[in-house]
């Protein structure tokens, strides 16, 4: 999917807008974990690390690879060009 730059959206908002099966119950506040994704090419993407709120939530969630992030905390920007993600099957709606 190609997303234009210069918009103030998160990856979660894009995924929801494109009807991907994530709940995102809290609407992007990093308090529910239902927008969790696995970043498959994290080493190739200049993603930056999670903030404290995201880390607290991620510590409570099952993540088997160490590459889990909350899509609500990933902002749409050039640095994520080419990001490859997987939506874990345990959060699919």
Protein backbone atom coordinates (compact mmCIF):
# COMPACT_ATOMS: atom_id res chain seq x y z
CA UNK A 1 0.00 0.00 0.00
CA UNK A 2 1.30 3.47 -0.79
CA UNK A 3 0.57 6.28 1.63
CA UNK A 4 1.26 9.94 0.89
CA UNK A 5 3.66 11.75 3.21
CA UNK A 6 2.75 14.91 5.05
CA UNK A 7 -0.30 13.50 6.76
CA UNK A 8 -0.44 13.35 10.54
CA UNK A 9 -1.62 9.77 10.92
CA UNK A 10 -0.41 6.65 12.66
CA UNK A 11 0.00 3.25 11.08
CA UNK A 12 -3.02 2.13 13.11
CA UNK A 13 -5.22 4.80 11.51
CA UNK A 14 -4.08 3.76 8.04
CA UNK A 15 -4.70 0.07 8.78
CA UNK A 16 -8.18 0.80 10.15
CA UNK A 17 -8.96 3.04 7.17
CA UNK A 18 -7.98 0.25 4.79
CA UNK A 19 -10.18 -2.26 6.68
CA UNK A 20 -7.37 -4.39 8.06
CA UNK A 21 -8.67 -6.59 10.89
CA UNK A 22 -7.40 -4.76 13.98
CA UNK A 23 -9.60 -3.52 16.79
CA UNK A 24 -7.63 -0.59 18.21
CA UNK A 25 -10.16 -0.34 21.02
CA UNK A 26 -8.48 2.61 22.79
CA UNK A 27 -8.24 4.67 19.61
CA UNK A 28 -4.48 5.15 19.72
CA UNK A 29 -3.79 5.87 23.39
CA UNK A 30 -1.38 2.89 23.76
CA UNK A 31 -3.46 1.38 26.55
CA UNK A 32 -5.17 -1.66 25.01
CA UNK A 33 -2.66 -3.43 22.77
CA UNK A 34 -5.30 -4.43 20.21
CA UNK A 35 -3.40 -2.71 17.40
CA UNK A 36 -0.22 -4.73 17.99
CA UNK A 37 1.80 -5.65 14.91
CA UNK A 38 5.01 -7.53 14.32
CA UNK A 39 7.55 -5.55 12.30
CA UNK A 40 9.11 -8.13 9.99
CA UNK A 41 11.95 -5.98 8.65
CA UNK A 42 12.81 -3.95 11.74
CA UNK A 43 16.56 -4.07 11.04
CA UNK A 44 16.01 -2.39 7.66
CA UNK A 45 13.64 0.34 8.88
CA UNK A 46 14.69 3.39 10.90
CA UNK A 47 11.72 2.97 13.20
CA UNK A 48 13.13 4.17 16.50
CA UNK A 49 12.24 2.60 19.79
CA UNK A 50 8.96 2.53 21.65
CA UNK A 51 8.16 5.28 24.16
CA UNK A 52 7.54 4.50 27.86
CA UNK A 53 3.76 4.12 27.47
CA UNK A 54 4.19 1.71 24.58
CA UNK A 55 6.86 -0.28 26.44
CA UNK A 56 4.57 -0.67 29.45
CA UNK A 57 1.78 -2.04 27.25
CA UNK A 58 4.09 -4.30 25.21
CA UNK A 59 5.41 -5.90 28.40
CA UNK A 60 1.90 -7.20 29.14
CA UNK A 61 1.31 -8.70 25.68
CA UNK A 62 2.43 -11.95 24.10
CA UNK A 63 5.24 -11.16 21.69
CA UNK A 64 7.31 -14.06 20.53
CA UNK A 65 9.89 -12.33 18.34
CA UNK A 66 10.78 -9.12 20.14
CA UNK A 67 9.70 -7.13 17.07
CA UNK A 68 6.23 -6.21 18.31
CA UNK A 69 5.05 -2.62 18.26
CA UNK A 70 1.76 -0.84 18.74
CA UNK A 71 0.71 0.45 15.33
CA UNK A 72 -0.88 3.47 17.02
CA UNK A 73 2.58 4.60 18.07
CA UNK A 74 4.18 4.32 14.61
CA UNK A 75 3.78 7.63 12.84
CA UNK A 76 3.56 7.79 9.04
CA UNK A 77 6.86 9.25 7.85
CA UNK A 78 9.64 8.63 5.34
CA UNK A 79 11.61 6.61 7.87
CA UNK A 80 9.08 3.75 7.68
CA UNK A 81 9.11 3.52 3.88
CA UNK A 82 9.08 -0.18 3.02
CA UNK A 83 7.90 -1.37 6.43
CA UNK A 84 6.61 -4.95 6.43
CA UNK A 85 4.26 -5.95 9.19
CA UNK A 86 2.24 -8.93 10.29
CA UNK A 87 -0.95 -8.69 12.31
CA UNK A 88 -0.80 -11.44 14.97
CA UNK A 89 -3.61 -13.95 14.65
CA UNK A 90 -4.57 -13.63 18.31
CA UNK A 91 -5.78 -10.04 17.82
CA UNK A 92 -7.67 -10.47 14.57
CA UNK A 93 -11.29 -9.40 14.82
